[in-house]
Amino acid sequence: MLTLHGECWVITDSAAGNQRQALALAEHLQLPRRHLLLEPRAPWSWLAPRLIAGGRLALPASQRAWFAPPWPAVAIGCGRAAALFTRMLRPLGEGRCHTVQILDPRIEPTLWDTVVVPRHDELHGANVLTTLGSLNTVDDEWLADGRDACPQFEALPRPRVGVLLGGPRRGIALDADYASALIRQLLARQRAEGGSLLVLGSRRTPAALIESLRPLLAEVPGLLWAGRDDGRNPYPGVLGWADRLVVTPDSVNMLSEACAVGCPVLTFIRAPLPPKIARFHQTLRDAGLLHDLDAPGTAAQRPLRETARVAALVRERIEATRGGLRGGNTGGFPLSRE
C-alpha cells in the first residue's frame, strides 16, 4: 500500500456535517493531522471560494497564525468556506500540497488537485471523484465500539428501531406537525409488532419539536435524546444496535451514515423534496438502500461504505501527481509502499 508522509490539514467551518466528512477521509489517509476551524471574514465569506486576493487577510487576526507555513503535504476541506483556503494552498504550497475539496465548490474544479462530490451534485471532471452519499467513519469496528459504549440497548425489545431527526432546511419543513405524524406511524407499527424506539435529535432539530414528542413516547421502550441534558450522545450505540433505521429526509449525512450500517433504512416524506435532495433519495432507492416508512418486508442490505475507496483513489492521485516510486520529482512529498 502506498504510504504517505507529511502533515494533513483538515479545514472546515463549524458545521458538524462538513467536519465529519473531512475528518473521515483524513483518518483513512493515515497521516498526522491538524483540524483547522477557519471562518473567513467579509467580503471573503460572501464570495468564497472565488475571491482569494488578500490571502490570509481573509481570516480574523486570531486565526491567521494557524494558516501559516510550513504548509502541509495534504489539505482536505469540506464546504464553501474551506474551499477558499484549500484553493489558496495550491499556489502557496508551490505544488507540494495536494489539495482535496469535498462538496461542489461551485467554480472550476481544476482549481484543486482532487474534488470529491456526491453524484447528485452532478459535477464532472478529470479530477472529480464521485460518491453515492457522503463520506463517514461508519464500519464494522465503529459499530462494535458503539455497541460496547451502550450495552444497555441489548436488553431492549426487538426490533430496535433507531429514529434520526434532522431539522428544517430550504424546501423541507420539519416541524412539530411533521414529527407528530412520523411518531404516530412508528407507534402504530410498534403496537402491532412490539419492539422499541430510540429517537435521537440533532443540532438542527428544533427544541420545541423534541418536547412535543416526549409525551407521545413516555410509555414506549427505548429513549428520546435531544442533547446533553439527556446524557451522553448515544448515536453510535443506536446505529450499532438498530434492527431498522428511520431517518428524516433532510440530511444527506445522516442518510449516508444510516445506509452504512447494513440494516433497512426508511424515511417519511410528506411533500415533494427539493430537486437536489430528491436526486439523492432516488439514487439511494435505485440502489435498494432507502425505502418508504410504510414499505413492507424490507430486508437487510449491503452497507454503503465509500470512504476507504475514495481514500485509495486520493492516494493514487497523489502518487500520480508527485511521480510516486517512478523516480519523478516528489516536490518534497515523499511516498513509499508497504
Protein backbone atom coordinates (compact mmCIF):
# COMPACT_ATOMS: atom_id res chain seq x y z
CA MET A 1 0.00 0.00 0.00
CA LEU A 2 1.21 3.49 -0.81
CA THR A 3 2.39 5.22 2.36
CA LEU A 4 2.22 8.99 2.54
CA HIS A 5 4.44 11.20 4.66
CA GLY A 6 3.96 14.72 5.92
CA GLU A 7 1.13 16.50 7.66
CA CYS A 8 -2.52 16.65 6.63
CA TRP A 9 -4.56 19.75 7.35
CA VAL A 10 -8.28 19.23 7.74
CA ILE A 11 -10.01 22.56 7.10
CA THR A 12 -13.69 23.13 7.89
CA ASP A 13 -16.12 25.60 9.32
CA SER A 14 -18.15 24.76 12.42
CA ALA A 15 -20.76 22.66 10.56
CA ALA A 16 -20.75 19.16 12.04
CA GLY A 17 -21.53 17.51 8.70
CA ASN A 18 -18.56 19.17 7.00
CA GLN A 19 -16.26 18.20 9.84
CA ARG A 20 -17.35 14.56 9.80
CA GLN A 21 -16.68 14.14 6.08
CA ALA A 22 -13.28 15.81 6.04
CA LEU A 23 -12.07 14.05 9.19
CA ALA A 24 -13.29 10.68 7.89
CA LEU A 25 -11.22 10.99 4.72
CA ALA A 26 -8.18 12.24 6.64
CA GLU A 27 -8.39 9.30 9.03
CA HIS A 28 -8.20 6.85 6.13
CA LEU A 29 -5.11 8.59 4.70
CA GLN A 30 -3.30 7.77 7.97
CA LEU A 31 -1.28 10.98 8.16
CA PRO A 32 -0.61 13.17 11.20
CA ARG A 33 -3.37 15.73 11.00
CA ARG A 34 -4.39 19.13 12.28
CA HIS A 35 -8.01 20.22 12.26
CA LEU A 36 -8.33 23.93 11.47
CA LEU A 37 -11.70 25.60 12.02
CA LEU A 38 -11.39 28.64 9.79
CA GLU A 39 -14.13 31.24 9.34
CA PRO A 40 -13.40 33.85 6.64
CA ARG A 41 -14.33 37.49 7.21
CA ALA A 42 -16.45 39.57 4.89
CA PRO A 43 -16.15 40.09 1.96
CA TRP A 44 -14.35 36.74 1.55
CA SER A 45 -17.16 34.95 3.40
CA TRP A 46 -19.63 36.29 0.86
CA LEU A 47 -17.58 35.31 -2.18
CA ALA A 48 -15.76 32.14 -1.08
CA PRO A 49 -14.10 30.41 -2.80
CA ARG A 50 -13.99 32.86 -5.72
CA LEU A 51 -12.18 35.72 -4.00
CA ILE A 52 -8.65 34.78 -2.91
CA ALA A 53 -6.96 38.19 -3.22
CA GLY A 54 -5.59 39.29 0.12
CA GLY A 55 -4.55 35.82 1.23
CA ARG A 56 -4.54 35.42 4.99
CA LEU A 57 -6.32 38.75 5.46
CA ALA A 58 -9.45 36.72 4.75
CA LEU A 59 -9.11 35.36 8.29
CA PRO A 60 -9.76 37.12 11.58
CA ALA A 61 -6.49 38.13 13.24
CA SER A 62 -6.94 35.40 15.86
CA GLN A 63 -6.87 32.68 13.16
CA ARG A 64 -4.07 33.91 10.87
CA ALA A 65 -1.30 32.24 12.85
CA TRP A 66 -2.93 28.86 12.22
CA PHE A 67 -2.87 29.29 8.44
CA ALA A 68 0.87 29.77 8.00
CA PRO A 69 3.97 27.86 6.86
CA PRO A 70 5.18 25.21 6.93
CA TRP A 71 2.45 24.18 4.55
CA PRO A 72 1.02 20.65 4.75
CA ALA A 73 1.58 17.76 2.38
CA VAL A 74 -2.17 17.27 2.00
CA ALA A 75 -5.06 19.63 2.70
CA ILE A 76 -8.64 18.37 2.90
CA GLY A 77 -11.50 20.85 3.04
CA CYS A 78 -15.25 20.41 3.15
CA GLY A 79 -17.76 23.16 2.47
CA ARG A 80 -17.64 26.50 0.71
CA ALA A 81 -15.67 28.37 3.39
CA ALA A 82 -13.00 25.66 3.49
CA ALA A 83 -12.80 25.71 -0.30
CA LEU A 84 -11.36 29.23 -0.09
CA PHE A 85 -8.39 28.00 1.95
CA THR A 86 -7.76 24.74 0.11
CA ARG A 87 -7.75 26.78 -3.10
CA MET A 88 -5.20 29.20 -1.58
CA LEU A 89 -2.94 26.33 -0.52
CA ARG A 90 -2.34 25.14 -4.05
CA PRO A 91 -0.25 28.19 -5.06
CA LEU A 92 1.04 28.79 -1.52
CA GLY A 93 2.40 25.26 -1.38
CA GLU A 94 4.10 25.68 -4.77
CA GLY A 95 2.77 22.33 -5.95
CA ARG A 96 3.88 20.46 -2.83
CA CYS A 97 0.46 20.40 -1.16
CA HIS A 98 -2.16 18.10 -2.65
CA THR A 99 -5.48 19.89 -2.22
CA VAL A 100 -8.69 17.91 -1.78
CA GLN A 101 -12.06 19.64 -1.71
CA ILE A 102 -15.17 17.76 -0.59
CA LEU A 103 -18.52 19.00 -1.99
CA ASP A 104 -19.05 21.10 -5.09
CA PRO A 105 -17.01 24.33 -4.79
CA ARG A 106 -19.31 25.89 -7.40
CA ILE A 107 -16.41 27.07 -9.52
CA GLU A 108 -13.98 25.30 -11.84
CA PRO A 109 -12.92 22.06 -10.10
CA THR A 110 -9.45 22.12 -11.70
CA LEU A 111 -8.50 24.82 -9.17
CA TRP A 112 -7.98 21.88 -6.77
CA ASP A 113 -5.97 18.70 -7.23
CA THR A 114 -8.92 16.48 -6.31
CA VAL A 115 -12.61 17.23 -5.79
CA VAL A 116 -14.93 14.71 -4.10
CA VAL A 117 -18.66 15.16 -4.67
CA PRO A 118 -21.84 13.10 -4.30
CA ARG A 119 -23.45 12.02 -7.54
CA HIS A 120 -26.47 14.28 -7.04
CA ASP A 121 -24.21 17.36 -7.28
CA GLU A 122 -23.87 16.48 -10.99
CA LEU A 123 -20.28 17.74 -11.20
CA HIS A 124 -17.87 16.07 -13.61
CA GLY A 125 -14.21 16.43 -14.50
CA ALA A 126 -10.91 14.59 -14.81
CA ASN A 127 -10.03 15.34 -11.18
CA VAL A 128 -13.54 14.76 -9.77
CA LEU A 129 -14.25 11.65 -7.68
CA THR A 130 -17.94 10.78 -7.34
CA THR A 131 -19.66 9.10 -4.41
CA LEU A 132 -23.24 7.99 -3.90
CA GLY A 133 -23.53 9.58 -0.45
CA SER A 134 -21.36 11.48 2.00
CA LEU A 135 -18.09 10.27 3.49
CA ASN A 136 -18.18 8.92 7.03
CA THR A 137 -16.41 6.65 9.51
CA VAL A 138 -19.14 4.02 9.90
CA ASP A 139 -17.73 0.50 9.53
CA ASP A 140 -17.87 -2.77 11.48
CA GLU A 141 -15.33 -1.60 14.06
CA TRP A 142 -17.13 1.72 14.58
CA LEU A 143 -20.45 -0.08 15.07
CA ALA A 144 -18.89 -2.56 17.50
CA ASP A 145 -17.46 0.34 19.50
CA GLY A 146 -20.93 1.88 19.55
CA ARG A 147 -22.45 -1.32 20.93
CA ASP A 148 -19.72 -1.52 23.57
CA ALA A 149 -20.45 2.07 24.61
CA CYS A 150 -24.19 1.40 25.02
CA PRO A 151 -24.55 -2.21 26.25
CA GLN A 152 -27.91 -1.38 27.86
CA PHE A 153 -29.56 -1.26 24.43
CA GLU A 154 -29.10 -5.02 24.00
CA ALA A 155 -31.87 -5.63 26.56
CA LEU A 156 -34.43 -3.52 24.67
CA PRO A 157 -37.21 -5.45 22.92
CA ARG A 158 -36.70 -6.11 19.23
CA PRO A 159 -36.98 -4.83 16.66
CA ARG A 160 -34.92 -1.92 17.93
CA VAL A 161 -35.84 1.00 15.68
CA GLY A 162 -33.45 3.95 15.58
CA VAL A 163 -35.12 7.23 14.61
CA LEU A 164 -32.76 10.00 13.45
CA LEU A 165 -34.24 13.50 13.39
CA GLY A 166 -32.65 16.30 11.39
CA GLY A 167 -34.09 19.76 11.03
CA PRO A 168 -35.82 22.12 8.62
CA ARG A 169 -33.98 23.28 5.53
CA ARG A 170 -34.98 25.19 2.44
CA GLY A 171 -37.82 23.29 0.80
CA ILE A 172 -38.26 20.78 3.65
CA ALA A 173 -40.45 21.65 6.62
CA LEU A 174 -39.57 19.57 9.66
CA ASP A 175 -41.89 20.96 12.27
CA ALA A 176 -43.89 19.62 15.20
CA ASP A 177 -46.72 18.57 12.88
CA TYR A 178 -44.32 16.50 10.75
CA ALA A 179 -42.70 14.94 13.82
CA SER A 180 -46.06 14.06 15.36
CA ALA A 181 -47.21 12.35 12.15
CA LEU A 182 -43.92 10.43 11.95
CA ILE A 183 -44.04 9.25 15.56
CA ARG A 184 -47.70 8.24 15.34
CA GLN A 185 -46.91 5.97 12.38
CA LEU A 186 -43.98 4.49 14.29
CA LEU A 187 -46.12 3.95 17.37
CA ALA A 188 -48.80 2.19 15.34
CA ARG A 189 -46.20 -0.22 13.97
CA GLN A 190 -44.64 -0.68 17.41
CA ARG A 191 -48.02 -1.62 18.86
CA ALA A 192 -48.51 -4.16 16.08
CA GLU A 193 -45.10 -5.84 16.17
CA GLY A 194 -43.56 -4.85 19.50
CA GLY A 195 -40.04 -3.59 19.79
CA SER A 196 -38.53 -0.31 20.96
CA LEU A 197 -37.91 3.21 19.62
CA LEU A 198 -34.59 5.01 20.06
CA VAL A 199 -35.25 8.58 18.95
CA LEU A 200 -32.32 10.97 18.50
CA GLY A 201 -32.41 14.68 17.79
CA SER A 202 -29.52 16.55 16.18
CA ARG A 203 -28.07 20.05 16.43
CA ARG A 204 -30.59 21.17 13.83
CA THR A 205 -33.66 19.67 15.49
CA PRO A 206 -35.85 22.43 16.98
CA ALA A 207 -36.20 22.09 20.74
CA ALA A 208 -39.97 22.59 20.51
CA LEU A 209 -40.20 19.63 18.14
CA ILE A 210 -38.39 17.38 20.58
CA GLU A 211 -40.51 18.48 23.52
CA SER A 212 -43.68 17.77 21.54
CA LEU A 213 -42.59 14.13 21.27
CA ARG A 214 -41.84 13.44 24.92
CA PRO A 215 -45.44 12.74 26.00
CA LEU A 216 -46.02 10.54 22.94
CA LEU A 217 -43.00 8.37 23.76
CA ALA A 218 -43.31 8.30 27.54
CA GLU A 219 -44.63 4.72 27.73
CA VAL A 220 -42.60 3.24 24.88
CA PRO A 221 -39.45 1.16 25.49
CA GLY A 222 -36.35 2.96 24.26
CA LEU A 223 -35.17 6.55 24.65
CA LEU A 224 -35.54 10.12 23.45
CA TRP A 225 -32.25 12.01 23.28
CA ALA A 226 -32.14 15.71 22.43
CA GLY A 227 -28.84 16.94 23.86
CA ARG A 228 -26.52 16.97 26.83
CA ASP A 229 -29.37 17.28 29.30
CA ASP A 230 -30.33 13.73 28.27
CA GLY A 231 -26.84 12.36 28.93
CA ARG A 232 -24.04 11.28 26.62
CA ASN A 233 -24.83 11.17 22.91
CA PRO A 234 -25.83 7.55 22.17
CA TYR A 235 -25.71 7.96 18.36
CA PRO A 236 -23.02 5.29 17.72
CA GLY A 237 -24.82 2.89 20.05
CA VAL A 238 -28.17 3.43 18.34
CA LEU A 239 -26.64 2.71 14.94
CA GLY A 240 -24.77 -0.27 16.35
CA TRP A 241 -27.83 -1.92 17.92
CA ALA A 242 -30.56 -0.89 15.46
CA ASP A 243 -32.52 -3.54 13.59
CA ARG A 244 -34.05 -0.81 11.46
CA LEU A 245 -33.33 2.91 11.00
CA VAL A 246 -35.81 5.67 10.21
CA VAL A 247 -34.24 8.93 9.03
CA THR A 248 -35.88 12.25 8.24
CA PRO A 249 -35.39 13.19 4.57
CA ASP A 250 -33.41 16.40 5.02
CA SER A 251 -29.88 15.23 5.83
CA VAL A 252 -27.55 13.67 3.25
CA ASN A 253 -25.04 12.92 6.00
CA MET A 254 -27.49 11.13 8.31
CA LEU A 255 -28.97 9.12 5.47
CA SER A 256 -25.49 8.14 4.25
CA GLU A 257 -24.39 7.05 7.72
CA ALA A 258 -27.61 5.08 8.21
CA CYS A 259 -27.07 3.31 4.89
CA ALA A 260 -23.54 2.39 6.01
CA VAL A 261 -24.94 0.24 8.84
CA GLY A 262 -26.46 -2.56 6.75
CA CYS A 263 -29.93 -2.67 8.31
CA PRO A 264 -33.07 -1.48 6.46
CA VAL A 265 -33.29 2.32 6.17
CA LEU A 266 -36.68 4.04 5.89
CA THR A 267 -37.78 7.65 5.50
CA PHE A 268 -41.02 9.59 5.86
CA ILE A 269 -41.84 12.19 3.20
CA ARG A 270 -44.98 14.33 3.28
CA ALA A 271 -44.26 16.75 0.41
CA PRO A 272 -42.10 16.87 -2.73
CA LEU A 273 -38.42 17.32 -1.97
CA PRO A 274 -36.16 20.00 -3.50
CA PRO A 275 -34.62 18.73 -6.77
CA LYS A 276 -31.08 18.15 -5.48
CA ILE A 277 -32.07 16.18 -2.39
CA ALA A 278 -34.73 14.36 -4.44
CA ARG A 279 -31.99 13.15 -6.80
CA PHE A 280 -30.04 11.84 -3.82
CA HIS A 281 -33.07 9.98 -2.47
CA GLN A 282 -33.74 8.45 -5.88
CA THR A 283 -30.14 7.28 -6.15
CA LEU A 284 -30.44 5.53 -2.79
CA ARG A 285 -33.77 3.98 -3.77
CA ASP A 286 -32.40 2.76 -7.10
CA ALA A 287 -29.59 1.05 -5.17
CA GLY A 288 -32.09 -0.62 -2.83
CA LEU A 289 -30.76 1.35 0.14
CA LEU A 290 -33.77 3.52 1.05
CA HIS A 291 -37.47 2.75 1.42
CA ASP A 292 -40.69 4.47 2.42
CA LEU A 293 -41.69 4.26 6.07
CA ASP A 294 -44.67 2.05 5.27
CA ALA A 295 -42.78 -0.27 2.90
CA PRO A 296 -43.50 -3.91 3.82
CA GLY A 297 -40.84 -6.52 4.45
CA THR A 298 -37.66 -4.51 3.89
CA ALA A 299 -34.58 -6.69 4.32
CA ALA A 300 -31.03 -6.06 5.47
CA GLN A 301 -28.87 -4.51 2.78
CA ARG A 302 -25.26 -4.31 1.71
CA PRO A 303 -23.73 -1.39 3.64
CA LEU A 304 -22.91 1.78 1.71
CA ARG A 305 -19.27 2.41 2.68
CA GLU A 306 -17.31 4.62 0.33
CA THR A 307 -14.65 6.37 2.40
CA ALA A 308 -11.96 3.70 2.09
CA ARG A 309 -12.45 3.56 -1.69
CA VAL A 310 -12.21 7.33 -2.01
CA ALA A 311 -9.10 7.43 0.18
CA ALA A 312 -7.45 4.81 -2.02
CA LEU A 313 -8.24 6.88 -5.12
CA VAL A 314 -6.87 10.02 -3.48
CA ARG A 315 -3.66 8.13 -2.68
CA GLU A 316 -3.40 7.06 -6.32
CA ARG A 317 -3.88 10.65 -7.47
CA ILE A 318 -1.17 11.86 -5.09
CA GLU A 319 1.18 9.20 -6.40
CA ALA A 320 0.42 10.15 -10.00
CA THR A 321 0.90 13.88 -9.46
CA ARG A 322 4.06 13.50 -7.38
CA GLY A 323 5.80 10.90 -9.51
CA GLY A 324 5.38 8.15 -6.91
CA LEU A 325 8.03 5.45 -7.00
CA ARG A 326 8.89 6.05 -10.63
CA GLY A 327 11.71 8.45 -9.80
CA GLY A 328 9.85 11.66 -10.55
CA ASN A 329 10.12 14.86 -8.53
CA THR A 330 8.13 14.33 -5.34
CA GLY A 331 8.16 18.04 -4.59
CA GLY A 332 9.28 17.46 -1.02
CA PHE A 333 6.41 14.99 -0.51
CA PRO A 334 7.99 11.53 -0.05
CA LEU A 335 5.97 8.42 -0.75
CA SER A 336 6.68 4.77 -0.08
CA ARG A 337 4.84 1.50 -0.48
CA GLU A 338 4.38 -1.04 2.30
